PDB file of N, CA and C in Angstrom:
ATOM      1  N   MET A   1       0.841  -1.178   0.000  1.00  0.00           N
ATOM      2  CA  MET A   1       0.000   0.000   0.000  1.00  0.00           C
ATOM      3  C   MET A   1       0.887   1.242   0.000  1.00  0.00           C
ATOM      4  N   ALA A   2       0.702   2.105  -0.951  1.00  0.00           N
ATOM      5  CA  ALA A   2       1.458   3.359  -1.019  1.00  0.00           C
ATOM      6  C   ALA A   2       0.843   4.367  -0.058  1.00  0.00           C
ATOM      7  N   ARG A   3       1.711   5.121   0.608  1.00  0.00           N
ATOM      8  CA  ARG A   3       1.228   6.082   1.608  1.00  0.00           C
ATOM      9  C   ARG A   3       2.252   7.205   1.727  1.00  0.00           C
ATOM     10  N   TYR A   4       1.784   8.449   1.577  1.00  0.00           N
ATOM     11  CA  TYR A   4       2.653   9.614   1.672  1.00  0.00           C
ATOM     12  C   TYR A   4       1.974  10.647   2.565  1.00  0.00           C
ATOM     13  N   THR A   5       2.755  11.354   3.368  1.00  0.00           N
ATOM     14  CA  THR A   5       2.178  12.296   4.327  1.00  0.00           C
ATOM     15  C   THR A   5       2.867  13.647   4.261  1.00  0.00           C
ATOM     16  N   CYS A   6       2.153  14.658   4.698  1.00  0.00           N
ATOM     17  CA  CYS A   6       2.756  15.969   4.911  1.00  0.00           C
ATOM     18  C   CYS A   6       1.992  16.684   6.019  1.00  0.00           C
ATOM     19  N   LEU A   7       2.716  17.476   6.759  1.00  0.00           N
ATOM     20  CA  LEU A   7       2.163  18.272   7.838  1.00  0.00           C
ATOM     21  C   LEU A   7       2.279  19.729   7.428  1.00  0.00           C
ATOM     22  N   VAL A   8       1.170  20.440   7.547  1.00  0.00           N
ATOM     23  CA  VAL A   8       1.123  21.830   7.101  1.00  0.00           C
ATOM     24  C   VAL A   8       0.504  22.679   8.200  1.00  0.00           C
ATOM     25  N   LYS A   9       1.075  23.839   8.422  1.00  0.00           N
ATOM     26  CA  LYS A   9       0.475  24.818   9.332  1.00  0.00           C
ATOM     27  C   LYS A   9       0.160  26.056   8.504  1.00  0.00           C
ATOM     28  N   VAL A  10      -1.091  26.499   8.576  1.00  0.00           N
ATOM     29  CA  VAL A  10      -1.533  27.645   7.783  1.00  0.00           C
ATOM     30  C   VAL A  10      -2.231  28.655   8.682  1.00  0.00           C
ATOM     31  N   ALA A  11      -2.248  29.890   8.228  1.00  0.00           N
ATOM     32  CA  ALA A  11      -3.042  30.939   8.869  1.00  0.00           C
ATOM     33  C   ALA A  11      -4.191  31.232   7.925  1.00  0.00           C
ATOM     34  N   THR A  12      -5.401  31.146   8.442  1.00  0.00           N
ATOM     35  CA  THR A  12      -6.565  31.311   7.592  1.00  0.00           C
ATOM     36  C   THR A  12      -7.753  31.828   8.384  1.00  0.00           C
ATOM     37  N   SER A  13      -8.692  32.356   7.678  1.00  0.00           N
ATOM     38  CA  SER A  13      -9.963  32.754   8.277  1.00  0.00           C
ATOM     39  C   SER A  13     -10.795  31.491   8.483  1.00  0.00           C
ATOM     40  N   LEU A  14     -11.163  31.185   9.701  1.00  0.00           N
ATOM     41  CA  LEU A  14     -11.849  29.931   9.999  1.00  0.00           C
ATOM     42  C   LEU A  14     -13.247  29.841   9.375  1.00  0.00           C
ATOM     43  N   ASP A  15     -13.865  30.972   9.119  1.00  0.00           N
ATOM     44  CA  ASP A  15     -15.209  30.914   8.542  1.00  0.00           C
ATOM     45  C   ASP A  15     -15.197  30.444   7.087  1.00  0.00           C
ATOM     46  N   ARG A  16     -14.096  30.577   6.377  1.00  0.00           N
ATOM     47  CA  ARG A  16     -13.996  30.109   4.992  1.00  0.00           C
ATOM     48  C   ARG A  16     -13.079  28.896   4.833  1.00  0.00           C
ATOM     49  N   PHE A  17     -12.490  28.450   5.920  1.00  0.00           N
ATOM     50  CA  PHE A  17     -11.488  27.403   5.859  1.00  0.00           C
ATOM     51  C   PHE A  17     -12.007  26.101   5.257  1.00  0.00           C
ATOM     52  N   ARG A  18     -13.130  25.586   5.726  1.00  0.00           N
ATOM     53  CA  ARG A  18     -13.638  24.293   5.254  1.00  0.00           C
ATOM     54  C   ARG A  18     -13.976  24.341   3.764  1.00  0.00           C
ATOM     55  N   TYR A  19     -14.575  25.435   3.330  1.00  0.00           N
ATOM     56  CA  TYR A  19     -14.886  25.600   1.909  1.00  0.00           C
ATOM     57  C   TYR A  19     -13.596  25.614   1.090  1.00  0.00           C
ATOM     58  N   SER A  20     -12.574  26.317   1.581  1.00  0.00           N
ATOM     59  CA  SER A  20     -11.287  26.391   0.873  1.00  0.00           C
ATOM     60  C   SER A  20     -10.634  25.021   0.772  1.00  0.00           C
ATOM     61  N   LEU A  21     -10.707  24.238   1.837  1.00  0.00           N
ATOM     62  CA  LEU A  21     -10.115  22.904   1.829  1.00  0.00           C
ATOM     63  C   LEU A  21     -10.846  21.986   0.847  1.00  0.00           C
ATOM     64  N   GLU A  22     -12.170  22.051   0.826  1.00  0.00           N
ATOM     65  CA  GLU A  22     -12.948  21.251  -0.127  1.00  0.00           C
ATOM     66  C   GLU A  22     -12.618  21.630  -1.566  1.00  0.00           C
ATOM     67  N   GLU A  23     -12.515  22.916  -1.843  1.00  0.00           N
ATOM     68  CA  GLU A  23     -12.165  23.385  -3.186  1.00  0.00           C
ATOM     69  C   GLU A  23     -10.768  22.922  -3.589  1.00  0.00           C
ATOM     70  N   LEU A  24      -9.841  22.949  -2.650  1.00  0.00           N
ATOM     71  CA  LEU A  24      -8.485  22.487  -2.923  1.00  0.00           C
ATOM     72  C   LEU A  24      -8.503  21.011  -3.306  1.00  0.00           C
ATOM     73  N   LEU A  25      -9.248  20.190  -2.573  1.00  0.00           N
ATOM     74  CA  LEU A  25      -9.321  18.760  -2.880  1.00  0.00           C
ATOM     75  C   LEU A  25     -10.012  18.516  -4.221  1.00  0.00           C
ATOM     76  N   ARG A  26     -11.057  19.287  -4.530  1.00  0.00           N
ATOM     77  CA  ARG A  26     -11.724  19.154  -5.831  1.00  0.00           C
ATOM     78  C   ARG A  26     -10.785  19.519  -6.974  1.00  0.00           C
ATOM     79  N   SER A  27      -9.924  20.506  -6.743  1.00  0.00           N
ATOM     80  CA  SER A  27      -8.983  20.906  -7.788  1.00  0.00           C
ATOM     81  C   SER A  27      -7.971  19.803  -8.079  1.00  0.00           C
ATOM     82  N   CYS A  28      -7.842  18.853  -7.165  1.00  0.00           N
ATOM     83  CA  CYS A  28      -6.938  17.709  -7.345  1.00  0.00           C
ATOM     84  C   CYS A  28      -7.696  16.470  -7.818  1.00  0.00           C
ATOM     85  N   ASN A  29      -8.898  16.652  -8.363  1.00  0.00           N
ATOM     86  CA  ASN A  29      -9.719  15.576  -8.898  1.00  0.00           C
ATOM     87  C   ASN A  29     -10.196  14.606  -7.815  1.00  0.00           C
ATOM     88  N   CYS A  30     -10.510  15.139  -6.634  1.00  0.00           N
ATOM     89  CA  CYS A  30     -10.998  14.329  -5.519  1.00  0.00           C
ATOM     90  C   CYS A  30     -12.327  14.899  -5.018  1.00  0.00           C
ATOM     91  N   ASP A  31     -13.241  13.992  -4.663  1.00  0.00           N
ATOM     92  CA  ASP A  31     -14.524  14.378  -4.077  1.00  0.00           C
ATOM     93  C   ASP A  31     -14.511  14.074  -2.589  1.00  0.00           C
ATOM     94  N   VAL A  32     -15.009  15.006  -1.793  1.00  0.00           N
ATOM     95  CA  VAL A  32     -15.096  14.790  -0.354  1.00  0.00           C
ATOM     96  C   VAL A  32     -16.183  13.752  -0.090  1.00  0.00           C
ATOM     97  N   ILE A  33     -15.816  12.681   0.629  1.00  0.00           N
ATOM     98  CA  ILE A  33     -16.788  11.626   0.935  1.00  0.00           C
ATOM     99  C   ILE A  33     -17.123  11.568   2.420  1.00  0.00           C
ATOM    100  N   TYR A  34     -16.341  12.252   3.261  1.00  0.00           N
ATOM    101  CA  TYR A  34     -16.617  12.307   4.687  1.00  0.00           C
ATOM    102  C   TYR A  34     -16.092  13.626   5.215  1.00  0.00           C
ATOM    103  N   ASP A  35     -16.904  14.290   6.038  1.00  0.00           N
ATOM    104  CA  ASP A  35     -16.522  15.589   6.565  1.00  0.00           C
ATOM    105  C   ASP A  35     -16.985  15.696   8.015  1.00  0.00           C
ATOM    106  N   ALA A  36     -16.039  15.703   8.932  1.00  0.00           N
ATOM    107  CA  ALA A  36     -16.325  15.910  10.347  1.00  0.00           C
ATOM    108  C   ALA A  36     -15.593  17.171  10.792  1.00  0.00           C
ATOM    109  N   ASP A  37     -15.789  17.557  12.019  1.00  0.00           N
ATOM    110  CA  ASP A  37     -15.200  18.795  12.518  1.00  0.00           C
ATOM    111  C   ASP A  37     -13.672  18.792  12.448  1.00  0.00           C
ATOM    112  N   ASP A  38     -13.064  17.645  12.729  1.00  0.00           N
ATOM    113  CA  ASP A  38     -11.604  17.586  12.780  1.00  0.00           C
ATOM    114  C   ASP A  38     -10.995  16.608  11.782  1.00  0.00           C
ATOM    115  N   TYR A  39     -11.791  16.186  10.782  1.00  0.00           N
ATOM    116  CA  TYR A  39     -11.326  15.146   9.867  1.00  0.00           C
ATOM    117  C   TYR A  39     -12.091  15.246   8.556  1.00  0.00           C
ATOM    118  N   MET A  40     -11.380  15.120   7.449  1.00  0.00           N
ATOM    119  CA  MET A  40     -12.017  15.140   6.137  1.00  0.00           C
ATOM    120  C   MET A  40     -11.373  14.057   5.282  1.00  0.00           C
ATOM    121  N   VAL A  41     -12.197  13.360   4.499  1.00  0.00           N
ATOM    122  CA  VAL A  41     -11.704  12.319   3.604  1.00  0.00           C
ATOM    123  C   VAL A  41     -12.208  12.617   2.202  1.00  0.00           C
ATOM    124  N   ALA A  42     -11.313  12.534   1.233  1.00  0.00           N
ATOM    125  CA  ALA A  42     -11.679  12.721  -0.172  1.00  0.00           C
ATOM    126  C   ALA A  42     -11.156  11.533  -0.963  1.00  0.00           C
ATOM    127  N   ARG A  43     -11.872  11.189  -2.006  1.00  0.00           N
ATOM    128  CA  ARG A  43     -11.504  10.046  -2.847  1.00  0.00           C
ATOM    129  C   ARG A  43     -11.337  10.539  -4.271  1.00  0.00           C
ATOM    130  N   GLU A  44     -10.319  10.045  -4.949  1.00  0.00           N
ATOM    131  CA  GLU A  44     -10.083  10.392  -6.347  1.00  0.00           C
ATOM    132  C   GLU A  44     -11.283   9.957  -7.193  1.00  0.00           C
ATOM    133  N   VAL A  45     -11.666  10.778  -8.122  1.00  0.00           N
ATOM    134  CA  VAL A  45     -12.800  10.480  -9.004  1.00  0.00           C
ATOM    135  C   VAL A  45     -12.433   9.298  -9.899  1.00  0.00           C
ATOM    136  N   PRO A  46     -13.259   8.235  -9.922  1.00  0.00           N
ATOM    137  CA  PRO A  46     -12.964   7.059 -10.745  1.00  0.00           C
ATOM    138  C   PRO A  46     -12.976   7.376 -12.240  1.00  0.00           C
ATOM    139  N   GLY A  47     -12.276   6.547 -12.987  1.00  0.00           N
ATOM    140  CA  GLY A  47     -12.303   6.678 -14.439  1.00  0.00           C
ATOM    141  C   GLY A  47     -10.945   6.868 -15.078  1.00  0.00           C
ATOM    142  N   GLY A  48      -9.998   7.394 -14.334  1.00  0.00           N
ATOM    143  CA  GLY A  48      -8.688   7.661 -14.915  1.00  0.00           C
ATOM    144  C   GLY A  48      -7.692   6.536 -14.746  1.00  0.00           C
ATOM    145  N   VAL A  49      -7.842   5.767 -13.666  1.00  0.00           N
ATOM    146  CA  VAL A  49      -6.902   4.684 -13.362  1.00  0.00           C
ATOM    147  C   VAL A  49      -7.675   3.477 -12.841  1.00  0.00           C
ATOM    148  N   ALA A  50      -6.980   2.351 -12.703  1.00  0.00           N
ATOM    149  CA  ALA A  50      -7.593   1.144 -12.153  1.00  0.00           C
ATOM    150  C   ALA A  50      -8.070   1.411 -10.721  1.00  0.00           C
ATOM    151  N   TYR A  51      -9.068   0.667 -10.288  1.00  0.00           N
ATOM    152  CA  TYR A  51      -9.671   0.878  -8.971  1.00  0.00           C
ATOM    153  C   TYR A  51      -8.632   0.827  -7.842  1.00  0.00           C
ATOM    154  N   ALA A  52      -7.709  -0.110  -7.894  1.00  0.00           N
ATOM    155  CA  ALA A  52      -6.697  -0.250  -6.836  1.00  0.00           C
ATOM    156  C   ALA A  52      -5.759   0.955  -6.761  1.00  0.00           C
ATOM    157  N   LYS A  53      -5.681   1.697  -7.836  1.00  0.00           N
ATOM    158  CA  LYS A  53      -4.798   2.863  -7.851  1.00  0.00           C
ATOM    159  C   LYS A  53      -5.506   4.146  -7.428  1.00  0.00           C
ATOM    160  N   LEU A  54      -6.833   4.108  -7.256  1.00  0.00           N
ATOM    161  CA  LEU A  54      -7.550   5.304  -6.823  1.00  0.00           C
ATOM    162  C   LEU A  54      -7.029   5.755  -5.469  1.00  0.00           C
ATOM    163  N   VAL A  55      -6.796   7.039  -5.344  1.00  0.00           N
ATOM    164  CA  VAL A  55      -6.172   7.607  -4.159  1.00  0.00           C
ATOM    165  C   VAL A  55      -7.234   8.123  -3.191  1.00  0.00           C
ATOM    166  N   THR A  56      -6.967   7.917  -1.918  1.00  0.00           N
ATOM    167  CA  THR A  56      -7.756   8.499  -0.841  1.00  0.00           C
ATOM    168  C   THR A  56      -6.890   9.538  -0.144  1.00  0.00           C
ATOM    169  N   VAL A  57      -7.471  10.711   0.108  1.00  0.00           N
ATOM    170  CA  VAL A  57      -6.767  11.774   0.822  1.00  0.00           C
ATOM    171  C   VAL A  57      -7.471  11.981   2.152  1.00  0.00           C
ATOM    172  N   GLU A  58      -6.750  11.741   3.237  1.00  0.00           N
ATOM    173  CA  GLU A  58      -7.279  11.982   4.580  1.00  0.00           C
ATOM    174  C   GLU A  58      -6.628  13.246   5.118  1.00  0.00           C
ATOM    175  N   VAL A  59      -7.435  14.095   5.741  1.00  0.00           N
ATOM    176  CA  VAL A  59      -6.916  15.339   6.303  1.00  0.00           C
ATOM    177  C   VAL A  59      -7.343  15.417   7.765  1.00  0.00           C
ATOM    178  N   LEU A  60      -6.374  15.381   8.657  1.00  0.00           N
ATOM    179  CA  LEU A  60      -6.632  15.576  10.075  1.00  0.00           C
ATOM    180  C   LEU A  60      -6.482  17.059  10.359  1.00  0.00           C
ATOM    181  N   ILE A  61      -7.510  17.659  10.919  1.00  0.00           N
ATOM    182  CA  ILE A  61      -7.553  19.109  11.108  1.00  0.00           C
ATOM    183  C   ILE A  61      -7.420  19.424  12.596  1.00  0.00           C
ATOM    184  N   ASP A  62      -6.396  20.180  12.940  1.00  0.00           N
ATOM    185  CA  ASP A  62      -6.188  20.595  14.322  1.00  0.00           C
ATOM    186  C   ASP A  62      -6.277  22.114  14.354  1.00  0.00           C
ATOM    187  N   LYS A  63      -7.443  22.607  14.763  1.00  0.00           N
ATOM    188  CA  LYS A  63      -7.645  24.052  14.796  1.00  0.00           C
ATOM    189  C   LYS A  63      -7.756  24.527  16.234  1.00  0.00           C
ATOM    190  N   PRO A  64      -7.674  25.825  16.461  1.00  0.00           N
ATOM    191  CA  PRO A  64      -7.737  26.350  17.825  1.00  0.00           C
ATOM    192  C   PRO A  64      -9.057  25.949  18.491  1.00  0.00           C
ATOM    193  N   SER A  65      -8.968  25.671  19.769  1.00  0.00           N
ATOM    194  CA  SER A  65     -10.173  25.285  20.511  1.00  0.00           C
ATOM    195  C   SER A  65     -10.962  26.513  20.926  1.00  0.00           C
ATOM    196  N   ASP A  66     -12.187  26.371  21.093  1.00  0.00           N
ATOM    197  CA  ASP A  66     -13.191  27.330  21.574  1.00  0.00           C
ATOM    198  C   ASP A  66     -12.702  28.730  21.915  1.00  0.00           C
ATOM    199  N   GLN A  67     -11.893  29.314  21.077  1.00  0.00           N
ATOM    200  CA  GLN A  67     -11.479  30.690  21.272  1.00  0.00           C
ATOM    201  C   GLN A  67     -12.349  31.568  20.380  1.00  0.00           C
ATOM    202  N   PRO A  68     -12.458  32.846  20.709  1.00  0.00           N
ATOM    203  CA  PRO A  68     -13.212  33.743  19.832  1.00  0.00           C
ATOM    204  C   PRO A  68     -12.615  33.739  18.426  1.00  0.00           C
ATOM    205  N   LEU A  69     -13.470  33.864  17.443  1.00  0.00           N
ATOM    206  CA  LEU A  69     -13.037  33.827  16.052  1.00  0.00           C
ATOM    207  C   LEU A  69     -12.184  35.048  15.725  1.00  0.00           C
ATOM    208  N   ALA A  70     -10.954  34.810  15.310  1.00  0.00           N
ATOM    209  CA  ALA A  70     -10.054  35.886  14.912  1.00  0.00           C
ATOM    210  C   ALA A  70     -10.013  35.944  13.394  1.00  0.00           C
ATOM    211  N   LEU A  71      -9.411  36.989  12.859  1.00  0.00           N
ATOM    212  CA  LEU A  71      -9.318  37.111  11.415  1.00  0.00           C
ATOM    213  C   LEU A  71      -8.509  35.981  10.815  1.00  0.00           C
ATOM    214  N   ASP A  72      -7.336  35.743  11.343  1.00  0.00           N
ATOM    215  CA  ASP A  72      -6.488  34.652  10.866  1.00  0.00           C
ATOM    216  C   ASP A  72      -6.069  33.789  12.044  1.00  0.00           C
ATOM    217  N   GLU A  73      -6.449  32.536  11.998  1.00  0.00           N
ATOM    218  CA  GLU A  73      -6.088  31.570  13.021  1.00  0.00           C
ATOM    219  C   GLU A  73      -5.127  30.553  12.428  1.00  0.00           C
ATOM    220  N   GLU A  74      -4.253  30.011  13.253  1.00  0.00           N
ATOM    221  CA  GLU A  74      -3.366  28.946  12.811  1.00  0.00           C
ATOM    222  C   GLU A  74      -4.120  27.627  12.842  1.00  0.00           C
ATOM    223  N   VAL A  75      -3.996  26.881  11.767  1.00  0.00           N
ATOM    224  CA  VAL A  75      -4.611  25.567  11.665  1.00  0.00           C
ATOM    225  C   VAL A  75      -3.542  24.592  11.197  1.00  0.00           C
ATOM    226  N   CYS A  76      -3.412  23.475  11.896  1.00  0.00           N
ATOM    227  CA  CYS A  76      -2.478  22.428  11.484  1.00  0.00           C
ATOM    228  C   CYS A  76      -3.247  21.370  10.704  1.00  0.00           C
ATOM    229  N   LEU A  77      -2.718  20.994   9.565  1.00  0.00           N
ATOM    230  CA  LEU A  77      -3.340  19.986   8.709  1.00  0.00           C
ATOM    231  C   LEU A  77      -2.348  18.864   8.483  1.00  0.00           C
ATOM    232  N   ASN A  78      -2.791  17.644   8.708  1.00  0.00           N
ATOM    233  CA  ASN A  78      -1.971  16.475   8.445  1.00  0.00           C
ATOM    234  C   ASN A  78      -2.608  15.734   7.278  1.00  0.00           C
ATOM    235  N   PHE A  79      -1.962  15.774   6.118  1.00  0.00           N
ATOM    236  CA  PHE A  79      -2.460  15.122   4.913  1.00  0.00           C
ATOM    237  C   PHE A  79      -1.860  13.731   4.793  1.00  0.00           C
ATOM    238  N   VAL A  80      -2.699  12.739   4.522  1.00  0.00           N
ATOM    239  CA  VAL A  80      -2.252  11.380   4.232  1.00  0.00           C
ATOM    240  C   VAL A  80      -2.851  11.003   2.886  1.00  0.00           C
ATOM    241  N   VAL A  81      -1.997  10.751   1.914  1.00  0.00           N
ATOM    242  CA  VAL A  81      -2.430  10.352   0.574  1.00  0.00           C
ATOM    243  C   VAL A  81      -2.039   8.896   0.408  1.00  0.00           C
ATOM    244  N   LYS A  82      -3.031   8.038   0.126  1.00  0.00           N
ATOM    245  CA  LYS A  82      -2.736   6.602   0.067  1.00  0.00           C
ATOM    246  C   LYS A  82      -3.627   5.898  -0.945  1.00  0.00           C
ATOM    247  N   ASN A  83      -3.181   4.719  -1.333  1.00  0.00           N
ATOM    248  CA  ASN A  83      -3.977   3.833  -2.178  1.00  0.00           C
ATOM    249  C   ASN A  83      -3.523   2.393  -1.965  1.00  0.00           C
ATOM    250  N   GLU A  84      -4.126   1.462  -2.699  1.00  0.00           N
ATOM    251  CA  GLU A  84      -3.818   0.042  -2.537  1.00  0.00           C
ATOM    252  C   GLU A  84      -2.649  -0.411  -3.406  1.00  0.00           C
ATOM    253  N   GLU A  85      -2.117   0.486  -4.204  1.00  0.00           N
ATOM    254  CA  GLU A  85      -1.012   0.173  -5.107  1.00  0.00           C
ATOM    255  C   GLU A  85       0.278  -0.093  -4.317  1.00  0.00           C
ATOM    256  N   LEU A  86       0.990  -1.132  -4.687  1.00  0.00           N
ATOM    257  CA  LEU A  86       2.302  -1.351  -4.095  1.00  0.00           C
ATOM    258  C   LEU A  86       3.283  -0.357  -4.707  1.00  0.00           C
ATOM    259  N   PRO A  87       4.017   0.366  -3.893  1.00  0.00           N
ATOM    260  CA  PRO A  87       4.948   1.378  -4.425  1.00  0.00           C
ATOM    261  C   PRO A  87       6.246   0.761  -4.928  1.00  0.00           C
ATOM    262  N   LEU A  88       6.135  -0.030  -5.980  1.00  0.00           N
ATOM    263  CA  LEU A  88       7.310  -0.712  -6.522  1.00  0.00           C
ATOM    264  C   LEU A  88       8.213   0.234  -7.309  1.00  0.00           C
ATOM    265  N   GLN A  89       7.642   1.329  -7.774  1.00  0.00           N
ATOM    266  CA  GLN A  89       8.413   2.335  -8.499  1.00  0.00           C
ATOM    267  C   GLN A  89       8.330   3.640  -7.721  1.00  0.00           C
ATOM    268  N   THR A  90       9.360   4.430  -7.817  1.00  0.00           N
ATOM    269  CA  THR A  90       9.377   5.710  -7.124  1.00  0.00           C
ATOM    270  C   THR A  90       8.303   6.642  -7.659  1.00  0.00           C
ATOM    271  N   ASP A  91       8.106   6.649  -8.957  1.00  0.00           N
ATOM    272  CA  ASP A  91       7.125   7.537  -9.596  1.00  0.00           C
ATOM    273  C   ASP A  91       5.840   6.753  -9.879  1.00  0.00           C
ATOM    274  N   ASN A  92       5.097   6.420  -8.820  1.00  0.00           N
ATOM    275  CA  ASN A  92       3.846   5.693  -8.992  1.00  0.00           C
ATOM    276  C   ASN A  92       2.665   6.667  -8.958  1.00  0.00           C
ATOM    277  N   HIS A  93       1.474   6.174  -9.209  1.00  0.00           N
ATOM    278  CA  HIS A  93       0.293   7.043  -9.279  1.00  0.00           C
ATOM    279  C   HIS A  93       0.042   7.753  -7.949  1.00  0.00           C
ATOM    280  N   CYS A  94       0.196   7.046  -6.849  1.00  0.00           N
ATOM    281  CA  CYS A  94      -0.032   7.657  -5.542  1.00  0.00           C
ATOM    282  C   CYS A  94       0.953   8.803  -5.294  1.00  0.00           C
ATOM    283  N   TRP A  95       2.209   8.603  -5.679  1.00  0.00           N
ATOM    284  CA  TRP A  95       3.210   9.663  -5.525  1.00  0.00           C
ATOM    285  C   TRP A  95       2.856  10.875  -6.376  1.00  0.00           C
ATOM    286  N   ARG A  96       2.398  10.644  -7.593  1.00  0.00           N
ATOM    287  CA  ARG A  96       2.023  11.764  -8.466  1.00  0.00           C
ATOM    288  C   ARG A  96       0.836  12.527  -7.877  1.00  0.00           C
ATOM    289  N   MET A  97      -0.147  11.812  -7.324  1.00  0.00           N
ATOM    290  CA  MET A  97      -1.295  12.478  -6.693  1.00  0.00           C
ATOM    291  C   MET A  97      -0.858  13.221  -5.427  1.00  0.00           C
ATOM    292  N   PHE A  98       0.050  12.633  -4.655  1.00  0.00           N
ATOM    293  CA  PHE A  98       0.585  13.308  -3.474  1.00  0.00           C
ATOM    294  C   PHE A  98       1.279  14.603  -3.889  1.00  0.00           C
ATOM    295  N   SER A  99       2.064  14.541  -4.940  1.00  0.00           N
ATOM    296  CA  SER A  99       2.754  15.738  -5.433  1.00  0.00           C
ATOM    297  C   SER A  99       1.759  16.808  -5.860  1.00  0.00           C
ATOM    298  N   LEU A 100       0.663  16.380  -6.506  1.00  0.00           N
ATOM    299  CA  LEU A 100      -0.372  17.321  -6.933  1.00  0.00           C
ATOM    300  C   LEU A 100      -1.044  17.984  -5.729  1.00  0.00           C
ATOM    301  N   VAL A 101      -1.414  17.201  -4.731  1.00  0.00           N
ATOM    302  CA  VAL A 101      -2.031  17.742  -3.515  1.00  0.00           C
ATOM    303  C   VAL A 101      -1.049  18.650  -2.787  1.00  0.00           C
ATOM    304  N   ASN A 102       0.174  18.204  -2.667  1.00  0.00           N
ATOM    305  CA  ASN A 102       1.218  18.978  -1.999  1.00  0.00           C
ATOM    306  C   ASN A 102       1.419  20.331  -2.674  1.00  0.00           C
ATOM    307  N   GLN A 103       1.463  20.330  -3.981  1.00  0.00           N
ATOM    308  CA  GLN A 103       1.624  21.578  -4.733  1.00  0.00           C
ATOM    309  C   GLN A 103       0.414  22.483  -4.545  1.00  0.00           C
ATOM    310  N   ALA A 104      -0.776  21.908  -4.590  1.00  0.00           N
ATOM    311  CA  ALA A 104      -1.994  22.706  -4.396  1.00  0.00           C
ATOM    312  C   ALA A 104      -2.019  23.335  -3.007  1.00  0.00           C
ATOM    313  N   VAL A 105      -1.598  22.590  -2.007  1.00  0.00           N
ATOM    314  CA  VAL A 105      -1.583  23.096  -0.630  1.00  0.00           C
ATOM    315  C   VAL A 105      -0.612  24.262  -0.492  1.00  0.00           C
ATOM    316  N   THR A 106       0.554  24.147  -1.076  1.00  0.00           N
ATOM    317  CA  THR A 106       1.570  25.187  -0.923  1.00  0.00           C
ATOM    318  C   THR A 106       1.322  26.410  -1.800  1.00  0.00           C
ATOM    319  N   GLU A 107       0.599  26.246  -2.914  1.00  0.00           N
ATOM    320  CA  GLU A 107       0.421  27.358  -3.846  1.00  0.00           C
ATOM    321  C   GLU A 107      -0.941  28.045  -3.750  1.00  0.00           C
ATOM    322  N   THR A 108      -1.853  27.544  -2.941  1.00  0.00           N
ATOM    323  CA  THR A 108      -3.176  28.155  -2.869  1.00  0.00           C
ATOM    324  C   THR A 108      -3.109  29.552  -2.261  1.00  0.00           C
ATOM    325  N   HIS A 109      -4.009  30.403  -2.694  1.00  0.00           N
ATOM    326  CA  HIS A 109      -4.096  31.762  -2.153  1.00  0.00           C
ATOM    327  C   HIS A 109      -5.190  31.859  -1.096  1.00  0.00           C
ATOM    328  N   GLN A 110      -5.779  30.729  -0.736  1.00  0.00           N
ATOM    329  CA  GLN A 110      -6.867  30.704   0.240  1.00  0.00           C
ATOM    330  C   GLN A 110      -6.360  30.859   1.674  1.00  0.00           C
ATOM    331  N   TRP A 111      -5.080  30.585   1.887  1.00  0.00           N
ATOM    332  CA  TRP A 111      -4.490  30.727   3.209  1.00  0.00           C
ATOM    333  C   TRP A 111      -3.028  31.089   3.085  1.00  0.00           C
ATOM    334  N   HIS A 112      -2.452  31.450   4.227  1.00  0.00           N
ATOM    335  CA  HIS A 112      -1.036  31.823   4.287  1.00  0.00           C
ATOM    336  C   HIS A 112      -0.272  30.639   4.877  1.00  0.00           C
ATOM    337  N   LEU A 113       0.637  30.062   4.103  1.00  0.00           N
ATOM    338  CA  LEU A 113       1.420  28.907   4.534  1.00  0.00           C
ATOM    339  C   LEU A 113       2.462  29.344   5.571  1.00  0.00           C
ATOM    340  N   LEU A 114       2.421  28.735   6.754  1.00  0.00           N
ATOM    341  CA  LEU A 114       3.365  29.050   7.807  1.00  0.00           C
ATOM    342  C   LEU A 114       4.466  28.007   7.932  1.00  0.00           C
ATOM    343  N   GLU A 115       4.083  26.729   7.724  1.00  0.00           N
ATOM    344  CA  GLU A 115       5.041  25.642   7.886  1.00  0.00           C
ATOM    345  C   GLU A 115       4.612  24.489   7.004  1.00  0.00           C
ATOM    346  N   HIS A 116       5.593  23.782   6.439  1.00  0.00           N
ATOM    347  CA  HIS A 116       5.293  22.643   5.563  1.00  0.00           C
ATOM    348  C   HIS A 116       6.378  21.593   5.731  1.00  0.00           C
ATOM    349  N   ILE A 117       5.944  20.390   6.108  1.00  0.00           N
ATOM    350  CA  ILE A 117       6.889  19.275   6.278  1.00  0.00           C
ATOM    351  C   ILE A 117       6.334  18.074   5.532  1.00  0.00           C
ATOM    352  N   ALA A 118       7.028  17.641   4.500  1.00  0.00           N
ATOM    353  CA  ALA A 118       6.609  16.458   3.743  1.00  0.00           C
ATOM    354  C   ALA A 118       7.425  15.264   4.217  1.00  0.00           C
ATOM    355  N   GLY A 119       6.738  14.110   4.317  1.00  0.00           N
ATOM    356  CA  GLY A 119       7.451  12.942   4.813  1.00  0.00           C
ATOM    357  C   GLY A 119       7.157  11.705   4.021  1.00  0.00           C
TER     358      GLY A 119
END
């Protein structure tokens, strides 16, 4: 199973944050299939690759607790991009999708990137 992760800290307006995250995932050809307060899951739209290669993107959201809403709050996001494909090659489909998500996260204008660690 291929699995790639990155940890991101962003400053963003919390009232638009969830919409921005959903739009970012859609721009990477993924549909949100589960959305909770601190967790979001998106699945790659079928049709482009074999079923086993379809990527799932999990996002663990760590935002400030019950504080008054400020203009820009720090939010930590832990992205996990994975699929059922064995990563026998360095440049596999899961890696390419991870790179696409990673690039979208770092280049979006929806928030201000404070920290980025890919692993």
